[in-house]
């Protein structure tokens, strides 16, 4: 089965839009971030949107290219790594992000905003690398 170029383009645009907003947060200090509920809310929402879109891409590629349906979010990236669609190191990083997304969505009262800040500072390029690989499959 063929990949859906429109779906892939739309999800990649959603990821990029969120990453652009998150990049703005790299300009502030950790202390400023930890003191601002508004910035924490923006960061949490934009991370959820970006990671959800990446998961949607992952499930689409897994279903269409590999005929597999993962049983959990993090497993999806593992499947793409095992199939050498994405590098295993990237799969490992994206699995962590999928688990972080679960924490944002399901355990909001336990969000570690220091970790959130660190992810923004250090891990956004993983999502960009992922979208680059997925668009190259078209």
Protein backbone atom coordinates (compact mmCIF):
# COMPACT_ATOMS: atom_id res chain seq x y z
CA UNK A 1 0.00 0.00 0.00
CA UNK A 2 1.15 3.50 -0.75
CA UNK A 3 1.86 6.22 1.74
CA UNK A 4 -0.56 9.13 1.80
CA UNK A 5 1.44 12.24 0.79
CA UNK A 6 -1.27 14.64 2.01
CA UNK A 7 -1.37 13.07 5.45
CA UNK A 8 2.42 13.10 5.69
CA UNK A 9 2.64 16.73 4.58
CA UNK A 10 -0.05 17.83 7.05
CA UNK A 11 1.52 16.03 10.03
CA UNK A 12 4.98 17.38 9.12
CA UNK A 13 3.55 20.90 8.97
CA UNK A 14 1.98 20.41 12.41
CA UNK A 15 5.30 19.23 13.79
CA UNK A 16 7.21 22.13 12.25
CA UNK A 17 4.70 24.71 13.48
CA UNK A 18 5.01 23.37 17.02
CA UNK A 19 8.80 23.19 16.81
CA UNK A 20 8.95 26.81 15.67
CA UNK A 21 6.92 27.84 18.72
CA UNK A 22 9.08 25.70 20.98
CA UNK A 23 12.27 27.18 19.51
CA UNK A 24 11.12 30.55 20.86
CA UNK A 25 11.29 29.07 24.35
CA UNK A 26 14.98 28.31 23.89
CA UNK A 27 15.62 32.04 24.27
CA UNK A 28 14.56 32.13 27.91
CA UNK A 29 16.33 30.85 30.99
CA UNK A 30 15.28 27.77 32.89
CA UNK A 31 14.37 29.98 35.85
CA UNK A 32 12.04 32.10 33.70
CA UNK A 33 10.44 28.96 32.30
CA UNK A 34 9.95 27.37 35.72
CA UNK A 35 8.30 30.53 37.05
CA UNK A 36 5.84 30.95 34.17
CA UNK A 37 2.73 28.77 34.08
CA UNK A 38 1.87 30.26 30.69
CA UNK A 39 5.19 29.20 29.15
CA UNK A 40 4.85 25.76 30.72
CA UNK A 41 1.37 25.42 29.22
CA UNK A 42 2.57 26.51 25.77
CA UNK A 43 5.48 24.09 25.94
CA UNK A 44 3.31 21.19 27.09
CA UNK A 45 0.68 21.77 24.43
CA UNK A 46 3.19 22.19 21.60
CA UNK A 47 5.10 19.07 22.67
CA UNK A 48 1.86 17.09 22.72
CA UNK A 49 0.93 18.31 19.23
CA UNK A 50 4.38 17.59 17.78
CA UNK A 51 4.73 14.16 19.36
CA UNK A 52 1.14 13.19 18.46
CA UNK A 53 1.80 14.14 14.84
CA UNK A 54 5.03 12.13 14.85
CA UNK A 55 3.16 9.14 16.28
CA UNK A 56 0.51 9.52 13.61
CA UNK A 57 3.24 9.44 10.96
CA UNK A 58 4.82 6.44 12.62
CA UNK A 59 1.58 4.47 12.68
CA UNK A 60 0.88 5.39 9.05
CA UNK A 61 4.29 4.25 7.84
CA UNK A 62 4.18 1.12 9.98
CA UNK A 63 0.77 0.15 8.62
CA UNK A 64 1.42 0.97 4.98
CA UNK A 65 5.05 -0.12 4.60
CA UNK A 66 5.35 -2.90 7.16
CA UNK A 67 1.75 -4.05 7.61
CA UNK A 68 2.19 -3.82 11.37
CA UNK A 69 0.09 -2.13 14.01
CA UNK A 70 1.94 -1.39 17.24
CA UNK A 71 0.18 -2.17 20.50
CA UNK A 72 1.53 0.95 22.22
CA UNK A 73 2.89 4.34 21.19
CA UNK A 74 6.55 3.83 22.01
CA UNK A 75 6.57 0.49 20.20
CA UNK A 76 5.78 2.21 16.91
CA UNK A 77 9.17 3.92 16.74
CA UNK A 78 10.84 0.66 17.76
CA UNK A 79 9.20 -1.08 14.80
CA UNK A 80 10.49 1.56 12.38
CA UNK A 81 13.96 1.27 13.90
CA UNK A 82 14.01 -2.51 13.62
CA UNK A 83 12.94 -2.21 9.97
CA UNK A 84 15.80 0.26 9.35
CA UNK A 85 13.35 2.93 8.24
CA UNK A 86 14.80 5.19 10.93
CA UNK A 87 18.14 4.79 12.72
CA UNK A 88 17.89 2.78 15.93
CA UNK A 89 19.35 5.67 17.94
CA UNK A 90 16.59 7.96 16.66
CA UNK A 91 13.99 5.29 17.42
CA UNK A 92 15.25 5.14 21.01
CA UNK A 93 15.01 8.93 21.41
CA UNK A 94 11.53 9.05 19.89
CA UNK A 95 10.37 6.24 22.18
CA UNK A 96 11.39 8.43 25.12
CA UNK A 97 9.42 11.31 23.64
CA UNK A 98 6.36 9.07 23.21
CA UNK A 99 6.58 8.12 26.87
CA UNK A 100 6.98 11.79 27.80
CA UNK A 101 3.85 12.56 25.76
CA UNK A 102 1.99 9.95 27.80
CA UNK A 103 3.08 11.68 30.98
CA UNK A 104 1.94 15.05 29.65
CA UNK A 105 -1.45 13.67 28.66
CA UNK A 106 -2.21 11.28 31.49
CA UNK A 107 -0.33 12.50 34.56
CA UNK A 108 -0.44 16.25 34.25
CA UNK A 109 -0.21 16.72 38.00
CA UNK A 110 3.25 15.11 37.95
CA UNK A 111 4.82 17.01 35.04
CA UNK A 112 8.49 17.66 35.56
CA UNK A 113 8.91 21.10 34.02
CA UNK A 114 12.68 20.96 34.40
CA UNK A 115 12.62 17.89 32.16
CA UNK A 116 10.23 19.69 29.80
CA UNK A 117 12.69 22.59 29.54
CA UNK A 118 15.58 20.19 28.92
CA UNK A 119 13.67 18.41 26.15
CA UNK A 120 13.03 21.73 24.45
CA UNK A 121 16.69 22.64 24.71
CA UNK A 122 18.11 19.30 23.55
CA UNK A 123 15.62 17.08 21.71
CA UNK A 124 13.62 19.03 19.15
CA UNK A 125 15.97 18.07 16.34
CA UNK A 126 14.95 14.42 16.76
CA UNK A 127 11.49 15.32 15.53
CA UNK A 128 12.94 17.25 12.59
CA UNK A 129 15.19 14.34 11.70
CA UNK A 130 12.19 12.03 11.83
CA UNK A 131 10.07 14.19 9.53
CA UNK A 132 12.97 14.43 7.09
CA UNK A 133 13.22 10.66 6.91
CA UNK A 134 9.47 10.17 6.54
CA UNK A 135 9.14 12.74 3.76
CA UNK A 136 12.02 11.06 1.93
CA UNK A 137 9.91 7.90 1.73
CA UNK A 138 7.45 9.60 -0.63
